[in-house]
C-alpha atoms as a PDB file:
ATOM      1  CA  MET A   1      13.317 114.695  82.826  1.00  0.00           C
ATOM      2  CA  LEU A   2      10.481 115.567  85.219  1.00  0.00           C
ATOM      3  CA  TYR A   3      11.132 117.040  88.637  1.00  0.00           C
ATOM      4  CA  ASN A   4       8.986 117.476  91.699  1.00  0.00           C
ATOM      5  CA  SER A   5       9.191 121.222  92.365  1.00  0.00           C
ATOM      6  CA  THR A   6       9.904 120.741  96.053  1.00  0.00           C
ATOM      7  CA  ALA A   7      11.666 117.429  96.640  1.00  0.00           C
ATOM      8  CA  ASP A   8      13.778 117.494  93.480  1.00  0.00           C
ATOM      9  CA  ALA A   9      14.758 121.177  93.497  1.00  0.00           C
ATOM     10  CA  PRO A  10      18.315 120.492  94.784  1.00  0.00           C
ATOM     11  CA  LEU A  11      18.831 117.918  92.028  1.00  0.00           C
ATOM     12  CA  LEU A  12      17.688 120.405  89.407  1.00  0.00           C
ATOM     13  CA  VAL A  13      20.102 123.028  90.726  1.00  0.00           C
ATOM     14  CA  LEU A  14      22.957 120.530  90.738  1.00  0.00           C
ATOM     15  CA  GLU A  15      22.181 119.377  87.192  1.00  0.00           C
ATOM     16  CA  ARG A  16      22.177 122.969  85.933  1.00  0.00           C
ATOM     17  CA  ALA A  17      25.469 123.677  87.676  1.00  0.00           C
ATOM     18  CA  THR A  18      27.156 120.581  86.289  1.00  0.00           C
ATOM     19  CA  SER A  19      25.796 121.341  82.806  1.00  0.00           C
ATOM     20  CA  VAL A  20      27.379 124.807  82.915  1.00  0.00           C
ATOM     21  CA  ALA A  21      30.640 123.355  84.259  1.00  0.00           C
ATOM     22  CA  PHE A  22      30.667 120.754  81.508  1.00  0.00           C
ATOM     23  CA  ARG A  23      30.309 123.430  78.810  1.00  0.00           C
ATOM     24  CA  LYS A  24      33.102 125.441  80.417  1.00  0.00           C
ATOM     25  CA  SER A  25      35.249 122.304  80.464  1.00  0.00           C
ATOM     26  CA  LEU A  26      34.707 121.673  76.746  1.00  0.00           C
ATOM     27  CA  VAL A  27      35.762 125.225  75.892  1.00  0.00           C
ATOM     28  CA  MET A  28      38.817 125.042  78.134  1.00  0.00           C
ATOM     29  CA  TYR A  29      39.787 121.583  76.824  1.00  0.00           C
ATOM     30  CA  SER A  30      39.470 122.668  73.186  1.00  0.00           C
ATOM     31  CA  SER A  31      41.521 125.802  73.812  1.00  0.00           C
ATOM     32  CA  MET A  32      44.352 123.985  75.598  1.00  0.00           C
ATOM     33  CA  LEU A  33      44.447 121.192  73.035  1.00  0.00           C
ATOM     34  CA  SER A  34      44.538 123.697  70.166  1.00  0.00           C
ATOM     35  CA  HIS A  35      47.467 125.541  71.743  1.00  0.00           C
ATOM     36  CA  ALA A  36      49.279 122.249  72.389  1.00  0.00           C
ATOM     37  CA  ILE A  37      48.861 121.118  68.785  1.00  0.00           C
ATOM     38  CA  LYS A  38      50.161 124.424  67.426  1.00  0.00           C
ATOM     39  CA  PHE A  39      53.178 124.252  69.708  1.00  0.00           C
ATOM     40  CA  LEU A  40      53.969 120.619  68.923  1.00  0.00           C
ATOM     41  CA  GLN A  41      53.813 121.260  65.184  1.00  0.00           C
ATOM     42  CA  HIS A  42      56.891 123.434  65.721  1.00  0.00           C
ATOM     43  CA  PRO A  43      58.444 122.134  68.964  1.00  0.00           C
ATOM     44  CA  LYS A  44      61.301 124.063  70.486  1.00  0.00           C
ATOM     45  CA  VAL A  45      64.233 122.364  72.169  1.00  0.00           C
ATOM     46  CA  LEU A  46      65.771 123.879  75.303  1.00  0.00           C
ATOM     47  CA  ASN A  47      69.504 123.500  75.827  1.00  0.00           C
ATOM     48  CA  THR A  48      71.155 123.003  79.199  1.00  0.00           C
ATOM     49  CA  ASP A  49      71.139 126.787  79.775  1.00  0.00           C
ATOM     50  CA  GLY A  50      67.402 126.997  79.246  1.00  0.00           C
ATOM     51  CA  ASP A  51      67.729 128.762  75.903  1.00  0.00           C
ATOM     52  CA  VAL A  52      65.885 127.757  72.759  1.00  0.00           C
ATOM     53  CA  ASP A  53      68.126 125.990  70.258  1.00  0.00           C
ATOM     54  CA  GLY A  54      65.537 125.861  67.493  1.00  0.00           C
ATOM     55  CA  GLU A  55      62.928 123.511  66.140  1.00  0.00           C
ATOM     56  CA  GLU A  56      63.309 119.832  66.835  1.00  0.00           C
ATOM     57  CA  GLN A  57      63.462 117.464  63.894  1.00  0.00           C
ATOM     58  CA  GLN A  58      60.260 115.423  63.706  1.00  0.00           C
ATOM     59  CA  GLU A  59      59.530 112.085  62.120  1.00  0.00           C
ATOM     60  CA  ASP A  60      56.225 111.033  60.614  1.00  0.00           C
ATOM     61  CA  ASN A  61      55.666 108.396  63.299  1.00  0.00           C
ATOM     62  CA  ASP A  62      56.542 110.587  66.281  1.00  0.00           C
ATOM     63  CA  ILE A  63      54.033 110.712  69.109  1.00  0.00           C
ATOM     64  CA  TYR A  64      53.761 113.428  71.736  1.00  0.00           C
ATOM     65  CA  VAL A  65      51.734 112.859  74.874  1.00  0.00           C
ATOM     66  CA  VAL A  66      49.798 115.838  76.206  1.00  0.00           C
ATOM     67  CA  MET A  67      48.129 115.481  79.594  1.00  0.00           C
ATOM     68  CA  ILE A  68      45.166 117.803  80.172  1.00  0.00           C
ATOM     69  CA  THR A  69      43.691 117.960  83.657  1.00  0.00           C
ATOM     70  CA  LEU A  70      40.395 119.644  84.522  1.00  0.00           C
ATOM     71  CA  LEU A  71      39.393 120.232  88.144  1.00  0.00           C
ATOM     72  CA  TRP A  72      35.845 120.953  89.283  1.00  0.00           C
ATOM     73  CA  GLN A  73      35.402 122.589  92.657  1.00  0.00           C
ATOM     74  CA  PRO A  74      32.400 124.391  94.197  1.00  0.00           C
ATOM     75  CA  ARG A  75      33.177 127.984  95.090  1.00  0.00           C
ATOM     76  CA  LYS A  76      33.233 128.086  98.883  1.00  0.00           C
ATOM     77  CA  GLY A  77      30.972 125.050  99.091  1.00  0.00           C
ATOM     78  CA  ASN A  78      28.278 126.525  96.836  1.00  0.00           C
ATOM     79  CA  VAL A  79      27.191 123.713  94.474  1.00  0.00           C
ATOM     80  CA  GLN A  80      25.368 126.257  92.300  1.00  0.00           C
ATOM     81  CA  ASP A  81      28.691 127.713  91.172  1.00  0.00           C
ATOM     82  CA  ILE A  82      31.300 125.150  90.113  1.00  0.00           C
ATOM     83  CA  GLN A  83      34.709 126.576  89.392  1.00  0.00           C
ATOM     84  CA  VAL A  84      36.520 124.903  86.495  1.00  0.00           C
ATOM     85  CA  ARG A  85      40.309 125.010  86.359  1.00  0.00           C
ATOM     86  CA  GLY A  86      42.709 123.205  84.083  1.00  0.00           C
ATOM     87  CA  HIS A  87      46.271 122.796  82.959  1.00  0.00           C
ATOM     88  CA  ALA A  88      48.111 120.983  80.198  1.00  0.00           C
ATOM     89  CA  PHE A  89      51.461 119.243  80.454  1.00  0.00           C
ATOM     90  CA  CYS A  90      53.819 117.790  77.853  1.00  0.00           C
ATOM     91  CA  THR A  91      57.429 116.648  78.214  1.00  0.00           C
ATOM     92  CA  ASN A  92      58.106 117.869  74.654  1.00  0.00           C
ATOM     93  CA  LYS A  93      59.919 114.590  74.068  1.00  0.00           C
ATOM     94  CA  PRO A  94      58.607 112.520  71.158  1.00  0.00           C
ATOM     95  CA  PHE A  95      58.746 108.771  70.820  1.00  0.00           C
ATOM     96  CA  SER A  96      58.241 106.618  67.784  1.00  0.00           C
ATOM     97  CA  GLN A  97      55.113 104.502  67.917  1.00  0.00           C
ATOM     98  CA  TRP A  98      56.886 101.640  66.130  1.00  0.00           C
ATOM     99  CA  LYS A  99      59.992 101.794  68.328  1.00  0.00           C
ATOM    100  CA  TYR A 100      58.015 101.619  71.549  1.00  0.00           C
ATOM    101  CA  ASN A 101      60.062  99.490  73.923  1.00  0.00           C
ATOM    102  CA  PRO A 102      59.090 100.019  77.586  1.00  0.00           C
ATOM    103  CA  MET A 103      61.194  98.492  80.299  1.00  0.00           C
ATOM    104  CA  PRO A 104      59.241  95.760  82.120  1.00  0.00           C
ATOM    105  CA  THR A 105      58.354  96.910  85.597  1.00  0.00           C
ATOM    106  CA  THR A 106      57.876  95.345  89.018  1.00  0.00           C
ATOM    107  CA  ALA A 107      54.488  95.645  90.713  1.00  0.00           C
ATOM    108  CA  VAL A 108      53.844  95.269  94.441  1.00  0.00           C
ATOM    109  CA  VAL A 109      50.495  94.096  95.822  1.00  0.00           C
ATOM    110  CA  ALA A 110      49.279  96.307  98.669  1.00  0.00           C
ATOM    111  CA  PHE A 111      47.685  94.302 101.451  1.00  0.00           C
ATOM    112  CA  TRP A 112      48.200  93.390 105.079  1.00  0.00           C
ATOM    113  CA  LYS A 113      49.634  89.992 105.857  1.00  0.00           C
ATOM    114  CA  ASN A 114      47.501  90.157 108.988  1.00  0.00           C
ATOM    115  CA  THR A 115      43.902  90.522 107.740  1.00  0.00           C
ATOM    116  CA  THR A 116      42.743  91.871 111.130  1.00  0.00           C
ATOM    117  CA  SER A 117      44.830  95.028 110.630  1.00  0.00           C
ATOM    118  CA  PRO A 118      43.213  98.313 109.552  1.00  0.00           C
ATOM    119  CA  LEU A 119      42.227  98.651 105.911  1.00  0.00           C
ATOM    120  CA  LEU A 120      44.699 100.239 103.539  1.00  0.00           C
ATOM    121  CA  PRO A 121      43.664 103.258 101.442  1.00  0.00           C
ATOM    122  CA  ALA A 122      41.582 102.073  98.486  1.00  0.00           C
ATOM    123  CA  ARG A 123      39.376 103.426  95.721  1.00  0.00           C
ATOM    124  CA  HIS A 124      36.824 100.663  95.214  1.00  0.00           C
ATOM    125  CA  ASP A 125      34.448 102.147  97.810  1.00  0.00           C
ATOM    126  CA  GLN A 126      35.112 105.825  96.948  1.00  0.00           C
ATOM    127  CA  LEU A 127      33.644 106.553  93.503  1.00  0.00           C
ATOM    128  CA  PRO A 128      36.306 104.488  91.704  1.00  0.00           C
ATOM    129  CA  ARG A 129      35.037 105.416  88.226  1.00  0.00           C
ATOM    130  CA  ALA A 130      35.728 109.120  88.838  1.00  0.00           C
ATOM    131  CA  LYS A 131      39.081 110.838  89.143  1.00  0.00           C
ATOM    132  CA  VAL A 132      38.799 112.469  92.552  1.00  0.00           C
ATOM    133  CA  SER A 133      41.650 114.845  93.396  1.00  0.00           C
ATOM    134  CA  SER A 134      41.717 113.778  97.049  1.00  0.00           C
ATOM    135  CA  TRP A 135      42.884 110.315  95.949  1.00  0.00           C
ATOM    136  CA  CYS A 136      46.323 111.799  95.189  1.00  0.00           C
ATOM    137  CA  ARG A 137      46.636 112.576  98.887  1.00  0.00           C
ATOM    138  CA  LEU A 138      45.089 109.340 100.128  1.00  0.00           C
ATOM    139  CA  ARG A 139      47.381 107.134  98.040  1.00  0.00           C
ATOM    140  CA  ARG A 140      50.594 108.809  99.229  1.00  0.00           C
ATOM    141  CA  PRO A 141      51.131 106.410 102.182  1.00  0.00           C
ATOM    142  CA  LEU A 142      50.920 103.470  99.779  1.00  0.00           C
ATOM    143  CA  GLU A 143      53.645 104.991  97.622  1.00  0.00           C
ATOM    144  CA  GLN A 144      55.822 105.703 100.655  1.00  0.00           C
ATOM    145  CA  ARG A 145      55.493 102.237 102.161  1.00  0.00           C
ATOM    146  CA  PHE A 146      55.342  99.924  99.135  1.00  0.00           C
ATOM    147  CA  LYS A 147      57.446 101.677  96.489  1.00  0.00           C
ATOM    148  CA  LEU A 148      60.656 101.415  98.486  1.00  0.00           C
ATOM    149  CA  ASP A 149      62.614  99.724  95.709  1.00  0.00           C
ATOM    150  CA  PRO A 150      63.424 101.946  92.688  1.00  0.00           C
ATOM    151  CA  ASP A 151      62.543  98.996  90.445  1.00  0.00           C
ATOM    152  CA  VAL A 152      58.942  99.038  91.703  1.00  0.00           C
ATOM    153  CA  GLY A 153      56.888 100.900  89.144  1.00  0.00           C
ATOM    154  CA  GLU A 154      53.374 100.358  90.465  1.00  0.00           C
ATOM    155  CA  VAL A 155      51.366  99.388  93.541  1.00  0.00           C
ATOM    156  CA  ILE A 156      48.331  97.167  92.979  1.00  0.00           C
ATOM    157  CA  LEU A 157      45.203  97.942  95.015  1.00  0.00           C
ATOM    158  CA  THR A 158      43.270  95.044  96.499  1.00  0.00           C
ATOM    159  CA  ARG A 159      39.988  94.022  98.092  1.00  0.00           C
ATOM    160  CA  LEU A 160      39.556  91.259 100.642  1.00  0.00           C
ATOM    161  CA  ILE A 161      36.875  88.741  99.678  1.00  0.00           C
ATOM    162  CA  GLY A 162      35.062  86.001 101.589  1.00  0.00           C
ATOM    163  CA  ASP A 163      33.538  85.566 105.020  1.00  0.00           C
ATOM    164  CA  ASP A 164      36.994  85.328 106.582  1.00  0.00           C
ATOM    165  CA  ARG A 165      38.475  88.025 104.325  1.00  0.00           C
ATOM    166  CA  ASP A 166      41.109  85.516 103.319  1.00  0.00           C
ATOM    167  CA  LYS A 167      40.870  85.895  99.549  1.00  0.00           C
ATOM    168  CA  ILE A 168      42.706  88.782  97.893  1.00  0.00           C
ATOM    169  CA  GLU A 169      41.215  90.292  94.738  1.00  0.00           C
ATOM    170  CA  LEU A 170      43.490  92.469  92.585  1.00  0.00           C
ATOM    171  CA  LEU A 171      41.820  95.633  91.251  1.00  0.00           C
ATOM    172  CA  GLU A 172      44.057  98.282  89.673  1.00  0.00           C
ATOM    173  CA  GLY A 173      47.261 100.241  90.114  1.00  0.00           C
ATOM    174  CA  LEU A 174      47.599 103.611  91.806  1.00  0.00           C
ATOM    175  CA  THR A 175      47.749 105.273  88.371  1.00  0.00           C
ATOM    176  CA  SER A 176      47.019 102.407  85.986  1.00  0.00           C
ATOM    177  CA  ASN A 177      44.618  99.622  85.044  1.00  0.00           C
ATOM    178  CA  LEU A 178      45.508  95.957  85.411  1.00  0.00           C
ATOM    179  CA  PHE A 179      45.312  93.204  82.786  1.00  0.00           C
ATOM    180  CA  ILE A 180      46.113  89.508  83.199  1.00  0.00           C
ATOM    181  CA  VAL A 181      46.502  87.041  80.339  1.00  0.00           C
ATOM    182  CA  TYR A 182      45.458  83.654  81.703  1.00  0.00           C
ATOM    183  CA  SER A 183      46.926  80.351  80.576  1.00  0.00           C
ATOM    184  CA  ASP A 184      43.792  79.605  78.528  1.00  0.00           C
ATOM    185  CA  GLY A 185      44.387  82.763  76.481  1.00  0.00           C
ATOM    186  CA  THR A 186      41.600  84.850  78.006  1.00  0.00           C
ATOM    187  CA  LEU A 187      42.264  88.445  78.976  1.00  0.00           C
ATOM    188  CA  ARG A 188      40.932  89.609  82.342  1.00  0.00           C
ATOM    189  CA  THR A 189      40.545  93.148  83.657  1.00  0.00           C
ATOM    190  CA  PRO A 190      38.398  94.324  86.586  1.00  0.00           C
ATOM    191  CA  ILE A 191      35.313  96.458  85.986  1.00  0.00           C
ATOM    192  CA  GLY A 192      32.982  98.546  88.121  1.00  0.00           C
ATOM    193  CA  SER A 193      35.302  98.943  91.096  1.00  0.00           C
ATOM    194  CA  VAL A 194      38.105 100.574  89.088  1.00  0.00           C
ATOM    195  CA  LEU A 195      38.664 103.646  86.942  1.00  0.00           C
ATOM    196  CA  ASP A 196      37.622 103.108  83.323  1.00  0.00           C
ATOM    197  CA  GLY A 197      40.901 104.374  81.884  1.00  0.00           C
ATOM    198  CA  TYR A 198      41.175 105.458  78.247  1.00  0.00           C
ATOM    199  CA  ALA A 199      44.142 103.174  77.534  1.00  0.00           C
ATOM    200  CA  ARG A 200      42.165 100.327  79.122  1.00  0.00           C
ATOM    201  CA  LYS A 201      39.345 101.026  76.659  1.00  0.00           C
ATOM    202  CA  LEU A 202      41.775 100.943  73.707  1.00  0.00           C
ATOM    203  CA  VAL A 203      43.216  97.598  74.818  1.00  0.00           C
ATOM    204  CA  ILE A 204      39.765  96.027  75.199  1.00  0.00           C
ATOM    205  CA  GLU A 205      38.746  97.257  71.735  1.00  0.00           C
ATOM    206  CA  ALA A 206      41.982  95.903  70.231  1.00  0.00           C
ATOM    207  CA  ALA A 207      41.453  92.507  71.878  1.00  0.00           C
ATOM    208  CA  GLN A 208      37.918  92.337  70.504  1.00  0.00           C
ATOM    209  CA  ARG A 209      39.134  93.199  66.997  1.00  0.00           C
ATOM    210  CA  MET A 210      41.661  90.382  67.256  1.00  0.00           C
ATOM    211  CA  GLY A 211      38.989  87.912  68.329  1.00  0.00           C
ATOM    212  CA  TRP A 212      40.351  87.429  71.838  1.00  0.00           C
ATOM    213  CA  THR A 213      38.118  86.711  74.800  1.00  0.00           C
ATOM    214  CA  VAL A 214      37.966  89.544  77.339  1.00  0.00           C
ATOM    215  CA  THR A 215      36.297  88.880  80.688  1.00  0.00           C
ATOM    216  CA  ASN A 216      35.710  90.826  83.883  1.00  0.00           C
ATOM    217  CA  ASP A 217      35.985  87.762  86.087  1.00  0.00           C
ATOM    218  CA  PRO A 218      37.702  88.480  89.417  1.00  0.00           C
ATOM    219  CA  ILE A 219      41.498  88.336  89.471  1.00  0.00           C
ATOM    220  CA  TYR A 220      42.670  86.590  92.625  1.00  0.00           C
ATOM    221  CA  LEU A 221      46.209  86.686  93.939  1.00  0.00           C
ATOM    222  CA  GLU A 222      46.191  82.931  94.483  1.00  0.00           C
ATOM    223  CA  ASP A 223      45.822  82.442  90.710  1.00  0.00           C
ATOM    224  CA  ALA A 224      49.416  83.651  90.346  1.00  0.00           C
ATOM    225  CA  THR A 225      50.753  80.924  92.626  1.00  0.00           C
ATOM    226  CA  LYS A 226      48.735  78.242  90.826  1.00  0.00           C
ATOM    227  CA  GLY A 227      50.361  78.946  87.467  1.00  0.00           C
ATOM    228  CA  TYR A 228      47.189  80.357  85.885  1.00  0.00           C
ATOM    229  CA  TRP A 229      48.859  83.514  84.565  1.00  0.00           C
ATOM    230  CA  ARG A 230      50.761  83.888  81.311  1.00  0.00           C
ATOM    231  CA  GLU A 231      51.258  87.665  81.181  1.00  0.00           C
ATOM    232  CA  VAL A 232      50.643  90.706  83.346  1.00  0.00           C
ATOM    233  CA  PHE A 233      50.587  94.252  82.043  1.00  0.00           C
ATOM    234  CA  LEU A 234      49.413  97.723  83.035  1.00  0.00           C
ATOM    235  CA  THR A 235      47.775 100.490  81.012  1.00  0.00           C
ATOM    236  CA  SER A 236      47.596 104.249  81.456  1.00  0.00           C
ATOM    237  CA  SER A 237      47.096 107.265  79.223  1.00  0.00           C
ATOM    238  CA  ILE A 238      50.707 108.359  79.679  1.00  0.00           C
ATOM    239  CA  ARG A 239      52.531 105.023  79.501  1.00  0.00           C
ATOM    240  CA  MET A 240      49.963 103.247  77.280  1.00  0.00           C
ATOM    241  CA  VAL A 241      50.951  99.585  77.827  1.00  0.00           C
ATOM    242  CA  VAL A 242      53.697  98.445  80.212  1.00  0.00           C
ATOM    243  CA  PRO A 243      54.572  94.771  80.766  1.00  0.00           C
ATOM    244  CA  VAL A 244      55.124  93.520  84.312  1.00  0.00           C
ATOM    245  CA  ALA A 245      58.254  91.433  84.874  1.00  0.00           C
ATOM    246  CA  LYS A 246      57.352  90.287  88.370  1.00  0.00           C
ATOM    247  CA  LEU A 247      54.679  90.652  91.012  1.00  0.00           C
ATOM    248  CA  GLN A 248      55.646  90.881  94.679  1.00  0.00           C
ATOM    249  CA  ILE A 249      53.774  90.722  97.972  1.00  0.00           C
ATOM    250  CA  PRO A 250      54.762  92.140 101.399  1.00  0.00           C
ATOM    251  CA  MET A 251      56.028  89.627 103.923  1.00  0.00           C
ATOM    252  CA  ASN A 252      55.966  91.387 107.289  1.00  0.00           C
ATOM    253  CA  THR A 253      53.499  94.252 107.379  1.00  0.00           C
ATOM    254  CA  THR A 254      52.219  95.110 110.835  1.00  0.00           C
ATOM    255  CA  THR A 255      50.090  97.907 112.196  1.00  0.00           C
ATOM    256  CA  ASN A 256      53.047  99.549 113.967  1.00  0.00           C
ATOM    257  CA  GLU A 257      55.195  99.465 110.834  1.00  0.00           C
ATOM    258  CA  TRP A 258      52.454 101.201 108.904  1.00  0.00           C
ATOM    259  CA  ASN A 259      51.696 103.839 111.516  1.00  0.00           C
ATOM    260  CA  ASP A 260      55.250 104.923 112.313  1.00  0.00           C
ATOM    261  CA  GLY A 261      56.453 104.645 108.709  1.00  0.00           C
ATOM    262  CA  LYS A 262      59.824 103.347 109.895  1.00  0.00           C
ATOM    263  CA  GLY A 263      59.480  99.596 109.710  1.00  0.00           C
ATOM    264  CA  SER A 264      61.276  97.715 106.962  1.00  0.00           C
ATOM    265  CA  ILE A 265      58.959  95.703 104.734  1.00  0.00           C
ATOM    266  CA  SER A 266      60.397  92.746 102.864  1.00  0.00           C
ATOM    267  CA  PHE A 267      58.813  91.368  99.715  1.00  0.00           C
ATOM    268  CA  ARG A 268      58.481  87.992  98.051  1.00  0.00           C
ATOM    269  CA  THR A 269      57.991  87.359  94.340  1.00  0.00           C
ATOM    270  CA  VAL A 270      54.831  85.343  93.658  1.00  0.00           C
ATOM    271  CA  TRP A 271      54.869  85.587  89.873  1.00  0.00           C
ATOM    272  CA  SER A 272      57.459  86.394  87.237  1.00  0.00           C
ATOM    273  CA  ALA A 273      57.330  86.604  83.449  1.00  0.00           C
ATOM    274  CA  THR A 274      59.026  84.062  81.220  1.00  0.00           C
ATOM    275  CA  ILE A 275      62.757  84.748  80.983  1.00  0.00           C
ATOM    276  CA  ASP A 276      64.900  84.031  77.939  1.00  0.00           C
ATOM    277  CA  SER A 277      67.209  81.142  78.875  1.00  0.00           C
ATOM    278  CA  SER A 278      70.247  82.510  77.010  1.00  0.00           C
ATOM    279  CA  SER A 279      70.198  86.182  78.058  1.00  0.00           C
ATOM    280  CA  GLN A 280      68.309  85.721  81.336  1.00  0.00           C
ATOM    281  CA  GLN A 281      66.257  88.774  80.389  1.00  0.00           C
ATOM    282  CA  LEU A 282      62.631  89.441  79.628  1.00  0.00           C
ATOM    283  CA  HIS A 283      62.057  90.327  75.993  1.00  0.00           C
ATOM    284  CA  PRO A 284      59.214  92.892  76.188  1.00  0.00           C
ATOM    285  CA  ARG A 285      58.764  93.153  72.406  1.00  0.00           C
ATOM    286  CA  ASN A 286      58.695  89.451  71.716  1.00  0.00           C
ATOM    287  CA  ILE A 287      56.167  88.952  68.932  1.00  0.00           C
ATOM    288  CA  GLU A 288      54.536  86.226  71.027  1.00  0.00           C
ATOM    289  CA  CYS A 289      53.709  88.649  73.844  1.00  0.00           C
ATOM    290  CA  GLN A 290      50.019  89.460  73.774  1.00  0.00           C
ATOM    291  CA  TRP A 291      50.508  92.902  75.293  1.00  0.00           C
ATOM    292  CA  TYR A 292      52.742  93.901  72.375  1.00  0.00           C
ATOM    293  CA  ALA A 293      50.329  92.483  69.793  1.00  0.00           C
ATOM    294  CA  LEU A 294      47.585  94.569  71.415  1.00  0.00           C
ATOM    295  CA  TYR A 295      49.737  97.692  71.332  1.00  0.00           C
ATOM    296  CA  ARG A 296      50.496  97.257  67.618  1.00  0.00           C
ATOM    297  CA  ASN A 297      46.819  96.733  66.889  1.00  0.00           C
ATOM    298  CA  ILE A 298      45.966  99.974  68.691  1.00  0.00           C
ATOM    299  CA  ILE A 299      48.506 101.909  66.607  1.00  0.00           C
ATOM    300  CA  GLU A 300      47.415 100.289  63.351  1.00  0.00           C
ATOM    301  CA  HIS A 301      43.783 101.218  64.006  1.00  0.00           C
ATOM    302  CA  ALA A 302      44.380 104.738  65.274  1.00  0.00           C
ATOM    303  CA  PRO A 303      41.749 107.049  63.720  1.00  0.00           C
ATOM    304  CA  GLU A 304      43.095 109.174  60.904  1.00  0.00           C
ATOM    305  CA  GLU A 305      41.576 112.326  62.362  1.00  0.00           C
ATOM    306  CA  SER A 306      43.842 111.985  65.390  1.00  0.00           C
ATOM    307  CA  HIS A 307      46.913 112.626  63.239  1.00  0.00           C
ATOM    308  CA  HIS A 308      47.470 116.327  62.566  1.00  0.00           C
ATOM    309  CA  GLU A 309      49.480 117.317  59.488  1.00  0.00           C
ATOM    310  CA  LYS A 310      52.531 119.427  60.063  1.00  0.00           C
ATOM    311  CA  ASN A 311      52.713 122.840  58.437  1.00  0.00           C
END
């Protein structure tokens, strides 16, 4: 790449700094992952007193999820010196990939009933394809105001569309990506204005292997009320694929309720998954569910090099 020695000097400095930070990140990531693998090959189980009982019995199909987070931050605002920090987290609790049976969750759509009210915190206009640490702070009011019910597992971010801002586009969850299976069998997931999550990538690849049509056409809330949806599910690196049992919208959000944090917000269900007539329950692992077929395809096509042999 060619640079103008004067005008492009700051860009050259920034590129060098990010290149160094990237190399540091690779070393740190490899080190933490290596330590995690060694530990998980011989996992220890803590009893209620915090003492080690011994090694936990493993099965061939057990999966452990390790979350590695790397944080880049300029030292005292100096972009020439990017500090790289990281940590790894694991619950040390395995689950069987073939016994995966997540409880269907409830998702709440975050938007104002009154479209003239102030905008809610959102990511679509704040580098949505990057994980910015400040988003954890910005999203907290959404969690406090919309996740009032313990059954609510996710809050769906939105964008108002149209000249009158009267059309609501669904984007992603606070910590997940959104997928909708439409009645014609197509699979929709937003792109560009959302985080390109790893689990999202796996689902798209699985759908393509299975010959399904995946589109990035906008997902509008009104499609739910028109009967266009067949399934709704969420994806994230930790939870992988989680089916949504019902989607709710707020009924009485006002500016005062948001600002004082004391108002009671009621919700109305605008979409719900098909319920078994005999048990009155959603069967998340029904073989006809597309989300479960996608999950099984992901597991069946997992690269061999990702499985580490136990000593």
